[in-house]
Amino acid sequence: MHSPLPIRDGVAASYLWIPEGQWENLLTFLIRQFPDIERRIWQTRILKNEVVDQNGTPLQENSPVRRGMCIFYYRELETETPIPFQEKILHSDEHLLVVDKPHFLPVTPGGRFLHETLLVRLKKVTGLEHLTPIHRLDRETAGIILFSHNPATRGRYQSLFQQRNIQKTYHAVAPALPERSFPFTYCSRMEESPRFFVMHEVPGVANSETRIDIVETRGALNLYRLMPVTGKKHQLRVHMHSLGAPIVNDGFYPDVLPGYNDDFSKPLQLLAKAIAFDDPLSGIRRYYESDKSL
């Protein structure tokens, strides 16, 4: 949806469709919808004409709201933890931006991160209004990620992931598996866990697949090459944990460790090392590799 508010300091306006319900006015709705945001903050935004409808008309505190109405506003954070690591742009053309992401940096705004996200940083540097990631990469994981900035061709590149016509190679440091012969393929059925935010394996037809090999041995640890065939959330982390070799510094598997992903001295030892695909527009083989190592 096209926003009537311009990008401001790299941040695109957020929007919200008014759900079913009854509210006295706009301010009442906003306070109930966002209980963690103080009344004075919404009042200040409204006074600065930073809350508008889909036509760009500024709304007032007493403006009526109704189901199906769409409002736009700028998301703000009063405090934000700086991420002291820098991304690197590896390639840019009229369609794609290829970036080497550091550990700890979220890809998109959410929760307590806004300006300290890869998307907002890149928008500030490049000025590309339509920039958007076309696949996932966890905050804790470093490495290669692709962005599209051309809406006309974005679907062609997204289809590479949907049709599994893209090859991703990860590196991970984890305990050795002396009983295993390498390379091998691990498959399982993964679903959302009742525990917050994590995945788990369940009986049933496999829906996740990873090819696993060793790059080098490091005493009790190995540097593994992981090649996911499927793209389930946390797939590599779950598979390595299930094999008895959880990735070093993983704060979700086997156990969720509160606050672990803010300890900059212990990055998750997982790196999206390389990505390869046949360009859907030119047919040329593309290959990009991270400068980073574990």
C-alpha atoms as a PDB file:
ATOM      1  CA  MET A   1       0.000   0.000   0.000  1.00  0.00           C
ATOM      2  CA  HIS A   2       1.277   3.447  -0.940  1.00  0.00           C
ATOM      3  CA  SER A   3       1.919   5.633   2.087  1.00  0.00           C
ATOM      4  CA  PRO A   4       0.794   9.274   2.038  1.00  0.00           C
ATOM      5  CA  LEU A   5       3.637  10.018   4.494  1.00  0.00           C
ATOM      6  CA  PRO A   6       7.184  10.188   3.090  1.00  0.00           C
ATOM      7  CA  ILE A   7      10.113   8.144   4.372  1.00  0.00           C
ATOM      8  CA  ARG A   8      11.688  10.044   7.270  1.00  0.00           C
ATOM      9  CA  ASP A   9      15.306   9.405   8.270  1.00  0.00           C
ATOM     10  CA  GLY A  10      15.168   6.015   6.601  1.00  0.00           C
ATOM     11  CA  VAL A  11      11.930   4.989   8.326  1.00  0.00           C
ATOM     12  CA  ALA A  12       8.767   4.353   6.325  1.00  0.00           C
ATOM     13  CA  ALA A  13       5.446   5.175   7.942  1.00  0.00           C
ATOM     14  CA  SER A  14       3.561   2.351   9.606  1.00  0.00           C
ATOM     15  CA  TYR A  15      -0.112   1.784   8.905  1.00  0.00           C
ATOM     16  CA  LEU A  16      -3.041   0.152  10.645  1.00  0.00           C
ATOM     17  CA  TRP A  17      -6.514  -0.894   9.512  1.00  0.00           C
ATOM     18  CA  ILE A  18      -9.203  -0.038  12.045  1.00  0.00           C
ATOM     19  CA  PRO A  19     -10.818  -3.309  13.253  1.00  0.00           C
ATOM     20  CA  GLU A  20     -14.397  -3.966  14.269  1.00  0.00           C
ATOM     21  CA  GLY A  21     -15.343  -2.021  17.396  1.00  0.00           C
ATOM     22  CA  GLN A  22     -16.487   1.312  18.751  1.00  0.00           C
ATOM     23  CA  TRP A  23     -14.293   4.113  20.069  1.00  0.00           C
ATOM     24  CA  GLU A  24     -15.082   7.636  21.172  1.00  0.00           C
ATOM     25  CA  ASN A  25     -12.448   9.123  18.856  1.00  0.00           C
ATOM     26  CA  LEU A  26      -9.008   8.593  17.320  1.00  0.00           C
ATOM     27  CA  LEU A  27      -7.035   9.268  20.506  1.00  0.00           C
ATOM     28  CA  THR A  28      -9.140   6.778  22.490  1.00  0.00           C
ATOM     29  CA  PHE A  29      -8.534   4.137  19.825  1.00  0.00           C
ATOM     30  CA  LEU A  30      -4.775   4.714  19.724  1.00  0.00           C
ATOM     31  CA  ILE A  31      -4.399   4.536  23.506  1.00  0.00           C
ATOM     32  CA  ARG A  32      -6.328   1.256  23.654  1.00  0.00           C
ATOM     33  CA  GLN A  33      -4.559  -0.194  20.613  1.00  0.00           C
ATOM     34  CA  PHE A  34      -1.075   0.722  21.875  1.00  0.00           C
ATOM     35  CA  PRO A  35      -1.201   0.591  25.696  1.00  0.00           C
ATOM     36  CA  ASP A  36       2.598   0.848  25.990  1.00  0.00           C
ATOM     37  CA  ILE A  37       2.660   4.260  24.273  1.00  0.00           C
ATOM     38  CA  GLU A  38       1.806   7.199  26.506  1.00  0.00           C
ATOM     39  CA  ARG A  39      -1.111   9.521  25.730  1.00  0.00           C
ATOM     40  CA  ARG A  40       1.235  12.547  25.487  1.00  0.00           C
ATOM     41  CA  ILE A  41       3.252  10.850  22.730  1.00  0.00           C
ATOM     42  CA  TRP A  42       0.184  10.351  20.543  1.00  0.00           C
ATOM     43  CA  GLN A  43      -0.953  13.905  21.285  1.00  0.00           C
ATOM     44  CA  THR A  44       2.430  15.252  20.163  1.00  0.00           C
ATOM     45  CA  ARG A  45       2.365  13.199  16.948  1.00  0.00           C
ATOM     46  CA  ILE A  46      -1.164  14.379  16.178  1.00  0.00           C
ATOM     47  CA  LEU A  47      -0.206  18.025  16.748  1.00  0.00           C
ATOM     48  CA  LYS A  48       2.679  17.604  14.280  1.00  0.00           C
ATOM     49  CA  ASN A  49       0.237  16.210  11.661  1.00  0.00           C
ATOM     50  CA  GLU A  50       2.009  12.853  11.770  1.00  0.00           C
ATOM     51  CA  VAL A  51      -1.137  10.736  12.035  1.00  0.00           C
ATOM     52  CA  VAL A  52      -3.079  10.769   8.766  1.00  0.00           C
ATOM     53  CA  ASP A  53      -5.711   8.798   6.884  1.00  0.00           C
ATOM     54  CA  GLN A  54      -5.138   6.936   3.604  1.00  0.00           C
ATOM     55  CA  ASN A  55      -5.634  10.168   1.659  1.00  0.00           C
ATOM     56  CA  GLY A  56      -2.954  11.968   3.670  1.00  0.00           C
ATOM     57  CA  THR A  57      -5.449  14.101   5.583  1.00  0.00           C
ATOM     58  CA  PRO A  58      -4.121  14.898   9.094  1.00  0.00           C
ATOM     59  CA  LEU A  59      -6.303  13.473  11.850  1.00  0.00           C
ATOM     60  CA  GLN A  60      -7.143  15.159  15.143  1.00  0.00           C
ATOM     61  CA  GLU A  61      -7.608  13.764  18.646  1.00  0.00           C
ATOM     62  CA  ASN A  62     -11.388  13.836  18.271  1.00  0.00           C
ATOM     63  CA  SER A  63     -11.490  12.532  14.696  1.00  0.00           C
ATOM     64  CA  PRO A  64     -14.022   9.688  14.333  1.00  0.00           C
ATOM     65  CA  VAL A  65     -12.696   6.233  13.480  1.00  0.00           C
ATOM     66  CA  ARG A  66     -14.571   3.323  11.953  1.00  0.00           C
ATOM     67  CA  ARG A  67     -13.939  -0.207  10.762  1.00  0.00           C
ATOM     68  CA  GLY A  68     -12.096  -0.371   7.430  1.00  0.00           C
ATOM     69  CA  MET A  69     -10.414   3.000   7.839  1.00  0.00           C
ATOM     70  CA  CYS A  70      -6.612   3.009   7.434  1.00  0.00           C
ATOM     71  CA  ILE A  71      -4.359   5.314   9.414  1.00  0.00           C
ATOM     72  CA  PHE A  72      -0.666   6.054   8.865  1.00  0.00           C
ATOM     73  CA  TYR A  73       1.841   7.165  11.498  1.00  0.00           C
ATOM     74  CA  TYR A  74       5.567   7.189  12.231  1.00  0.00           C
ATOM     75  CA  ARG A  75       6.802   4.612  14.688  1.00  0.00           C
ATOM     76  CA  GLU A  76       9.273   6.060  17.207  1.00  0.00           C
ATOM     77  CA  LEU A  77      11.443   4.775  20.054  1.00  0.00           C
ATOM     78  CA  GLU A  78      12.555   7.008  22.902  1.00  0.00           C
ATOM     79  CA  THR A  79      15.655   4.885  23.507  1.00  0.00           C
ATOM     80  CA  GLU A  80      17.362   2.307  21.312  1.00  0.00           C
ATOM     81  CA  THR A  81      20.425   0.165  21.976  1.00  0.00           C
ATOM     82  CA  PRO A  82      23.204   0.883  19.425  1.00  0.00           C
ATOM     83  CA  ILE A  83      24.462  -2.165  17.508  1.00  0.00           C
ATOM     84  CA  PRO A  84      28.249  -1.646  17.220  1.00  0.00           C
ATOM     85  CA  PHE A  85      28.725  -3.685  14.056  1.00  0.00           C
ATOM     86  CA  GLN A  86      28.584  -2.553  10.442  1.00  0.00           C
ATOM     87  CA  GLU A  87      26.980  -4.054   7.366  1.00  0.00           C
ATOM     88  CA  LYS A  88      28.678  -4.114   3.946  1.00  0.00           C
ATOM     89  CA  ILE A  89      27.042  -3.720   0.542  1.00  0.00           C
ATOM     90  CA  LEU A  90      28.568  -6.324  -1.787  1.00  0.00           C
ATOM     91  CA  HIS A  91      26.559  -5.626  -4.944  1.00  0.00           C
ATOM     92  CA  SER A  92      24.032  -3.121  -6.247  1.00  0.00           C
ATOM     93  CA  ASP A  93      22.173  -2.886  -9.569  1.00  0.00           C
ATOM     94  CA  GLU A  94      18.807  -1.609 -10.788  1.00  0.00           C
ATOM     95  CA  HIS A  95      17.008  -4.538  -9.155  1.00  0.00           C
ATOM     96  CA  LEU A  96      18.976  -5.954  -6.223  1.00  0.00           C
ATOM     97  CA  LEU A  97      21.122  -4.999  -3.274  1.00  0.00           C
ATOM     98  CA  VAL A  98      23.303  -7.775  -1.836  1.00  0.00           C
ATOM     99  CA  VAL A  99      24.461  -7.153   1.727  1.00  0.00           C
ATOM    100  CA  ASP A 100      26.782  -8.825   4.227  1.00  0.00           C
ATOM    101  CA  LYS A 101      24.942  -8.453   7.554  1.00  0.00           C
ATOM    102  CA  PRO A 102      26.700  -8.481  10.943  1.00  0.00           C
ATOM    103  CA  HIS A 103      25.592 -10.518  13.937  1.00  0.00           C
ATOM    104  CA  PHE A 104      23.039  -8.924  16.310  1.00  0.00           C
ATOM    105  CA  LEU A 105      21.563  -6.523  13.727  1.00  0.00           C
ATOM    106  CA  PRO A 106      17.843  -7.109  13.009  1.00  0.00           C
ATOM    107  CA  VAL A 107      16.857  -7.001   9.357  1.00  0.00           C
ATOM    108  CA  THR A 108      13.582  -5.075   9.758  1.00  0.00           C
ATOM    109  CA  PRO A 109      12.106  -2.809  12.452  1.00  0.00           C
ATOM    110  CA  GLY A 110      10.233  -4.454  15.284  1.00  0.00           C
ATOM    111  CA  GLY A 111      10.009  -4.455  19.061  1.00  0.00           C
ATOM    112  CA  ARG A 112      12.825  -2.360  20.529  1.00  0.00           C
ATOM    113  CA  PHE A 113      14.666  -1.885  17.240  1.00  0.00           C
ATOM    114  CA  LEU A 114      13.945   0.765  14.619  1.00  0.00           C
ATOM    115  CA  HIS A 115      16.944   2.787  13.423  1.00  0.00           C
ATOM    116  CA  GLU A 116      19.325   0.018  14.495  1.00  0.00           C
ATOM    117  CA  THR A 117      18.047  -2.335  11.800  1.00  0.00           C
ATOM    118  CA  LEU A 118      19.595  -3.298   8.490  1.00  0.00           C
ATOM    119  CA  LEU A 119      16.670  -2.035   6.404  1.00  0.00           C
ATOM    120  CA  VAL A 120      16.617   1.445   7.944  1.00  0.00           C
ATOM    121  CA  ARG A 121      20.413   1.756   7.866  1.00  0.00           C
ATOM    122  CA  LEU A 122      20.423   0.859   4.165  1.00  0.00           C
ATOM    123  CA  LYS A 123      17.609   3.263   3.308  1.00  0.00           C
ATOM    124  CA  LYS A 124      19.542   6.088   4.961  1.00  0.00           C
ATOM    125  CA  VAL A 125      22.705   5.239   3.018  1.00  0.00           C
ATOM    126  CA  THR A 126      21.179   4.469  -0.382  1.00  0.00           C
ATOM    127  CA  GLY A 127      18.012   6.585  -0.448  1.00  0.00           C
ATOM    128  CA  LEU A 128      16.186   3.628  -2.048  1.00  0.00           C
ATOM    129  CA  GLU A 129      12.531   4.134  -1.117  1.00  0.00           C
ATOM    130  CA  HIS A 130      11.286   0.687  -2.225  1.00  0.00           C
ATOM    131  CA  LEU A 131      14.026  -1.357  -0.577  1.00  0.00           C
ATOM    132  CA  THR A 132      12.767  -4.577   1.036  1.00  0.00           C
ATOM    133  CA  PRO A 133      14.361  -7.928   2.003  1.00  0.00           C
ATOM    134  CA  ILE A 134      13.251 -10.877  -0.133  1.00  0.00           C
ATOM    135  CA  HIS A 135      14.161 -13.615   2.350  1.00  0.00           C
ATOM    136  CA  ARG A 136      14.712 -14.040   6.082  1.00  0.00           C
ATOM    137  CA  LEU A 137      17.845 -13.872   8.195  1.00  0.00           C
ATOM    138  CA  ASP A 138      17.641 -13.989  11.977  1.00  0.00           C
ATOM    139  CA  ARG A 139      18.981 -11.118  14.038  1.00  0.00           C
ATOM    140  CA  GLU A 140      21.503 -13.494  15.612  1.00  0.00           C
ATOM    141  CA  THR A 141      22.797 -14.787  12.246  1.00  0.00           C
ATOM    142  CA  ALA A 142      25.368 -12.934  10.139  1.00  0.00           C
ATOM    143  CA  GLY A 143      25.961 -13.120   6.409  1.00  0.00           C
ATOM    144  CA  ILE A 144      24.445 -12.720   2.962  1.00  0.00           C
ATOM    145  CA  ILE A 145      20.962 -11.305   2.461  1.00  0.00           C
ATOM    146  CA  LEU A 146      19.256 -10.043  -0.698  1.00  0.00           C
ATOM    147  CA  PHE A 147      17.127  -6.910  -0.974  1.00  0.00           C
ATOM    148  CA  SER A 148      14.886  -5.860  -3.847  1.00  0.00           C
ATOM    149  CA  HIS A 149      14.379  -2.178  -4.624  1.00  0.00           C
ATOM    150  CA  ASN A 150      12.419  -2.506  -7.882  1.00  0.00           C
ATOM    151  CA  PRO A 151       8.738  -3.402  -7.305  1.00  0.00           C
ATOM    152  CA  ALA A 152       8.331  -4.330 -10.987  1.00  0.00           C
ATOM    153  CA  THR A 153      10.832  -7.206 -10.767  1.00  0.00           C
ATOM    154  CA  ARG A 154      10.590  -8.126  -7.090  1.00  0.00           C
ATOM    155  CA  GLY A 155       8.280 -11.084  -7.687  1.00  0.00           C
ATOM    156  CA  ARG A 156      10.720 -12.671 -10.132  1.00  0.00           C
ATOM    157  CA  TYR A 157      13.414 -12.804  -7.451  1.00  0.00           C
ATOM    158  CA  GLN A 158      11.031 -13.848  -4.667  1.00  0.00           C
ATOM    159  CA  SER A 159       9.938 -16.792  -6.801  1.00  0.00           C
ATOM    160  CA  LEU A 160      13.500 -18.158  -6.668  1.00  0.00           C
ATOM    161  CA  PHE A 161      12.992 -18.844  -2.969  1.00  0.00           C
ATOM    162  CA  GLN A 162       9.410 -20.045  -3.333  1.00  0.00           C
ATOM    163  CA  GLN A 163      10.421 -22.552  -6.036  1.00  0.00           C
ATOM    164  CA  ARG A 164      13.687 -23.514  -4.278  1.00  0.00           C
ATOM    165  CA  ASN A 165      15.787 -22.374  -7.222  1.00  0.00           C
ATOM    166  CA  ILE A 166      18.388 -20.789  -5.015  1.00  0.00           C
ATOM    167  CA  GLN A 167      21.344 -22.392  -3.234  1.00  0.00           C
ATOM    168  CA  LYS A 168      22.254 -21.137   0.232  1.00  0.00           C
ATOM    169  CA  THR A 169      25.379 -22.229   2.087  1.00  0.00           C
ATOM    170  CA  TYR A 170      25.853 -21.613   5.802  1.00  0.00           C
ATOM    171  CA  HIS A 171      28.809 -22.174   8.106  1.00  0.00           C
ATOM    172  CA  ALA A 172      28.292 -23.165  11.737  1.00  0.00           C
ATOM    173  CA  VAL A 173      30.545 -24.054  14.642  1.00  0.00           C
ATOM    174  CA  ALA A 174      29.153 -26.863  16.783  1.00  0.00           C
ATOM    175  CA  PRO A 175      30.273 -29.985  18.678  1.00  0.00           C
ATOM    176  CA  ALA A 176      31.764 -32.829  16.660  1.00  0.00           C
ATOM    177  CA  LEU A 177      29.589 -35.795  15.659  1.00  0.00           C
ATOM    178  CA  PRO A 178      32.142 -38.631  15.547  1.00  0.00           C
ATOM    179  CA  GLU A 179      29.483 -41.303  15.000  1.00  0.00           C
ATOM    180  CA  ARG A 180      28.330 -39.690  11.743  1.00  0.00           C
ATOM    181  CA  SER A 181      29.687 -40.213   8.229  1.00  0.00           C
ATOM    182  CA  PHE A 182      29.823 -37.045   6.166  1.00  0.00           C
ATOM    183  CA  PRO A 183      28.235 -35.661   4.100  1.00  0.00           C
ATOM    184  CA  PHE A 184      24.686 -36.639   5.024  1.00  0.00           C
ATOM    185  CA  THR A 185      21.164 -35.240   4.790  1.00  0.00           C
ATOM    186  CA  TYR A 186      18.933 -34.668   7.812  1.00  0.00           C
ATOM    187  CA  CYS A 187      15.137 -34.432   7.491  1.00  0.00           C
ATOM    188  CA  SER A 188      12.388 -33.901  10.054  1.00  0.00           C
ATOM    189  CA  ARG A 189       8.954 -32.410  10.566  1.00  0.00           C
ATOM    190  CA  MET A 190       9.134 -28.992  12.209  1.00  0.00           C
ATOM    191  CA  GLU A 191       6.290 -26.984  13.731  1.00  0.00           C
ATOM    192  CA  GLU A 192       5.832 -23.992  16.021  1.00  0.00           C
ATOM    193  CA  SER A 193       6.514 -24.935  19.633  1.00  0.00           C
ATOM    194  CA  PRO A 194       4.195 -24.049  22.527  1.00  0.00           C
ATOM    195  CA  ARG A 195       7.247 -22.227  23.895  1.00  0.00           C
ATOM    196  CA  PHE A 196       7.458 -18.623  22.745  1.00  0.00           C
ATOM    197  CA  PHE A 197       9.187 -18.024  19.415  1.00  0.00           C
ATOM    198  CA  VAL A 198      10.879 -21.423  19.051  1.00  0.00           C
ATOM    199  CA  MET A 199      10.330 -24.420  16.791  1.00  0.00           C
ATOM    200  CA  HIS A 200      10.386 -28.107  17.586  1.00  0.00           C
ATOM    201  CA  GLU A 201      10.310 -31.440  15.808  1.00  0.00           C
ATOM    202  CA  VAL A 202       7.200 -33.622  15.822  1.00  0.00           C
ATOM    203  CA  PRO A 203       6.277 -37.015  14.342  1.00  0.00           C
ATOM    204  CA  GLY A 204       4.989 -36.974  10.791  1.00  0.00           C
ATOM    205  CA  VAL A 205       6.011 -36.430   7.202  1.00  0.00           C
ATOM    206  CA  ALA A 206       9.237 -34.417   6.967  1.00  0.00           C
ATOM    207  CA  ASN A 207       8.886 -30.794   5.891  1.00  0.00           C
ATOM    208  CA  SER A 208      12.492 -29.685   6.466  1.00  0.00           C
ATOM    209  CA  GLU A 209      15.748 -30.871   4.911  1.00  0.00           C
ATOM    210  CA  THR A 210      19.388 -29.892   5.433  1.00  0.00           C
ATOM    211  CA  ARG A 211      22.566 -31.246   3.829  1.00  0.00           C
ATOM    212  CA  ILE A 212      25.465 -31.331   6.278  1.00  0.00           C
ATOM    213  CA  ASP A 213      29.214 -31.635   5.747  1.00  0.00           C
ATOM    214  CA  ILE A 214      32.445 -30.698   7.563  1.00  0.00           C
ATOM    215  CA  VAL A 215      34.633 -27.798   6.436  1.00  0.00           C
ATOM    216  CA  GLU A 216      37.280 -28.394   9.099  1.00  0.00           C
ATOM    217  CA  THR A 217      37.746 -30.007  12.503  1.00  0.00           C
ATOM    218  CA  ARG A 218      38.601 -27.893  15.543  1.00  0.00           C
ATOM    219  CA  GLY A 219      39.250 -30.343  18.351  1.00  0.00           C
ATOM    220  CA  ALA A 220      35.939 -31.037  20.090  1.00  0.00           C
ATOM    221  CA  LEU A 221      34.202 -28.720  17.607  1.00  0.00           C
ATOM    222  CA  ASN A 222      33.690 -28.761  13.860  1.00  0.00           C
ATOM    223  CA  LEU A 223      33.157 -26.012  11.345  1.00  0.00           C
ATOM    224  CA  TYR A 224      30.152 -27.348   9.434  1.00  0.00           C
ATOM    225  CA  ARG A 225      28.822 -26.558   5.983  1.00  0.00           C
ATOM    226  CA  LEU A 226      25.020 -26.505   6.105  1.00  0.00           C
ATOM    227  CA  MET A 227      22.947 -26.365   2.936  1.00  0.00           C
ATOM    228  CA  PRO A 228      19.220 -26.012   3.645  1.00  0.00           C
ATOM    229  CA  VAL A 229      16.954 -27.439   0.959  1.00  0.00           C
ATOM    230  CA  THR A 230      13.875 -26.046   2.700  1.00  0.00           C
ATOM    231  CA  GLY A 231      13.538 -22.762   4.569  1.00  0.00           C
ATOM    232  CA  LYS A 232      11.763 -23.350   7.858  1.00  0.00           C
ATOM    233  CA  LYS A 233      12.205 -20.859  10.685  1.00  0.00           C
ATOM    234  CA  HIS A 234      15.281 -21.730  12.794  1.00  0.00           C
ATOM    235  CA  GLN A 235      15.747 -24.859  10.655  1.00  0.00           C
ATOM    236  CA  LEU A 236      19.541 -25.107  10.946  1.00  0.00           C
ATOM    237  CA  ARG A 237      19.508 -24.411  14.670  1.00  0.00           C
ATOM    238  CA  VAL A 238      16.831 -27.032  15.323  1.00  0.00           C
ATOM    239  CA  HIS A 239      18.487 -29.657  13.137  1.00  0.00           C
ATOM    240  CA  MET A 240      21.901 -29.260  14.734  1.00  0.00           C
ATOM    241  CA  HIS A 241      20.381 -29.359  18.215  1.00  0.00           C
ATOM    242  CA  SER A 242      18.433 -32.508  17.338  1.00  0.00           C
ATOM    243  CA  LEU A 243      21.613 -34.166  16.116  1.00  0.00           C
ATOM    244  CA  GLY A 244      23.208 -33.538  19.515  1.00  0.00           C
ATOM    245  CA  ALA A 245      25.398 -30.692  18.268  1.00  0.00           C
ATOM    246  CA  PRO A 246      23.733 -27.365  19.131  1.00  0.00           C
ATOM    247  CA  ILE A 247      25.403 -24.400  17.452  1.00  0.00           C
ATOM    248  CA  VAL A 248      27.833 -22.568  19.726  1.00  0.00           C
ATOM    249  CA  ASN A 249      26.257 -19.586  21.565  1.00  0.00           C
ATOM    250  CA  ASP A 250      22.714 -20.513  20.540  1.00  0.00           C
ATOM    251  CA  GLY A 251      20.432 -18.920  23.128  1.00  0.00           C
ATOM    252  CA  PHE A 252      17.255 -20.661  21.929  1.00  0.00           C
ATOM    253  CA  TYR A 253      18.299 -24.298  21.483  1.00  0.00           C
ATOM    254  CA  PRO A 254      18.366 -26.320  23.620  1.00  0.00           C
ATOM    255  CA  ASP A 255      17.220 -23.712  26.163  1.00  0.00           C
ATOM    256  CA  VAL A 256      15.952 -20.148  25.894  1.00  0.00           C
ATOM    257  CA  LEU A 257      18.414 -17.881  27.686  1.00  0.00           C
ATOM    258  CA  PRO A 258      16.921 -14.444  28.511  1.00  0.00           C
ATOM    259  CA  GLY A 259      18.985 -11.562  27.181  1.00  0.00           C
ATOM    260  CA  TYR A 260      21.587 -13.780  25.535  1.00  0.00           C
ATOM    261  CA  ASN A 261      21.330 -11.995  22.162  1.00  0.00           C
ATOM    262  CA  ASP A 262      22.510  -8.731  23.702  1.00  0.00           C
ATOM    263  CA  ASP A 263      25.867 -10.178  24.766  1.00  0.00           C
ATOM    264  CA  PHE A 264      28.004  -8.863  21.930  1.00  0.00           C
ATOM    265  CA  SER A 265      30.950 -10.988  23.092  1.00  0.00           C
ATOM    266  CA  LYS A 266      29.105 -14.240  22.254  1.00  0.00           C
ATOM    267  CA  PRO A 267      27.701 -14.130  18.714  1.00  0.00           C
ATOM    268  CA  LEU A 268      25.794 -17.147  17.487  1.00  0.00           C
ATOM    269  CA  GLN A 269      28.274 -19.192  15.480  1.00  0.00           C
ATOM    270  CA  LEU A 270      26.091 -19.309  12.383  1.00  0.00           C
ATOM    271  CA  LEU A 271      26.939 -17.496   9.158  1.00  0.00           C
ATOM    272  CA  ALA A 272      25.025 -17.278   5.866  1.00  0.00           C
ATOM    273  CA  LYS A 273      28.263 -17.788   3.964  1.00  0.00           C
ATOM    274  CA  ALA A 274      27.129 -17.792   0.326  1.00  0.00           C
ATOM    275  CA  ILE A 275      24.172 -17.633  -2.026  1.00  0.00           C
ATOM    276  CA  ALA A 276      23.950 -18.705  -5.677  1.00  0.00           C
ATOM    277  CA  PHE A 277      21.200 -18.575  -8.305  1.00  0.00           C
ATOM    278  CA  ASP A 278      20.469 -18.112 -11.989  1.00  0.00           C
ATOM    279  CA  ASP A 279      19.244 -14.562 -12.477  1.00  0.00           C
ATOM    280  CA  PRO A 280      15.580 -14.761 -13.583  1.00  0.00           C
ATOM    281  CA  LEU A 281      15.988 -11.700 -15.824  1.00  0.00           C
ATOM    282  CA  SER A 282      19.353 -12.243 -17.504  1.00  0.00           C
ATOM    283  CA  GLY A 283      19.899 -15.980 -16.976  1.00  0.00           C
ATOM    284  CA  ILE A 284      23.420 -15.219 -15.721  1.00  0.00           C
ATOM    285  CA  ARG A 285      24.694 -17.302 -12.814  1.00  0.00           C
ATOM    286  CA  ARG A 286      25.121 -15.168  -9.694  1.00  0.00           C
ATOM    287  CA  TYR A 287      27.245 -16.018  -6.674  1.00  0.00           C
ATOM    288  CA  TYR A 288      27.855 -13.905  -3.574  1.00  0.00           C
ATOM    289  CA  GLU A 289      30.004 -14.830  -0.576  1.00  0.00           C
ATOM    290  CA  SER A 290      30.354 -13.238   2.852  1.00  0.00           C
ATOM    291  CA  ASP A 291      33.682 -11.739   3.849  1.00  0.00           C
ATOM    292  CA  LYS A 292      33.100 -12.956   7.376  1.00  0.00           C
ATOM    293  CA  SER A 293      34.355 -16.153   8.982  1.00  0.00           C
ATOM    294  CA  LEU A 294      33.611 -17.990  12.215  1.00  0.00           C
END
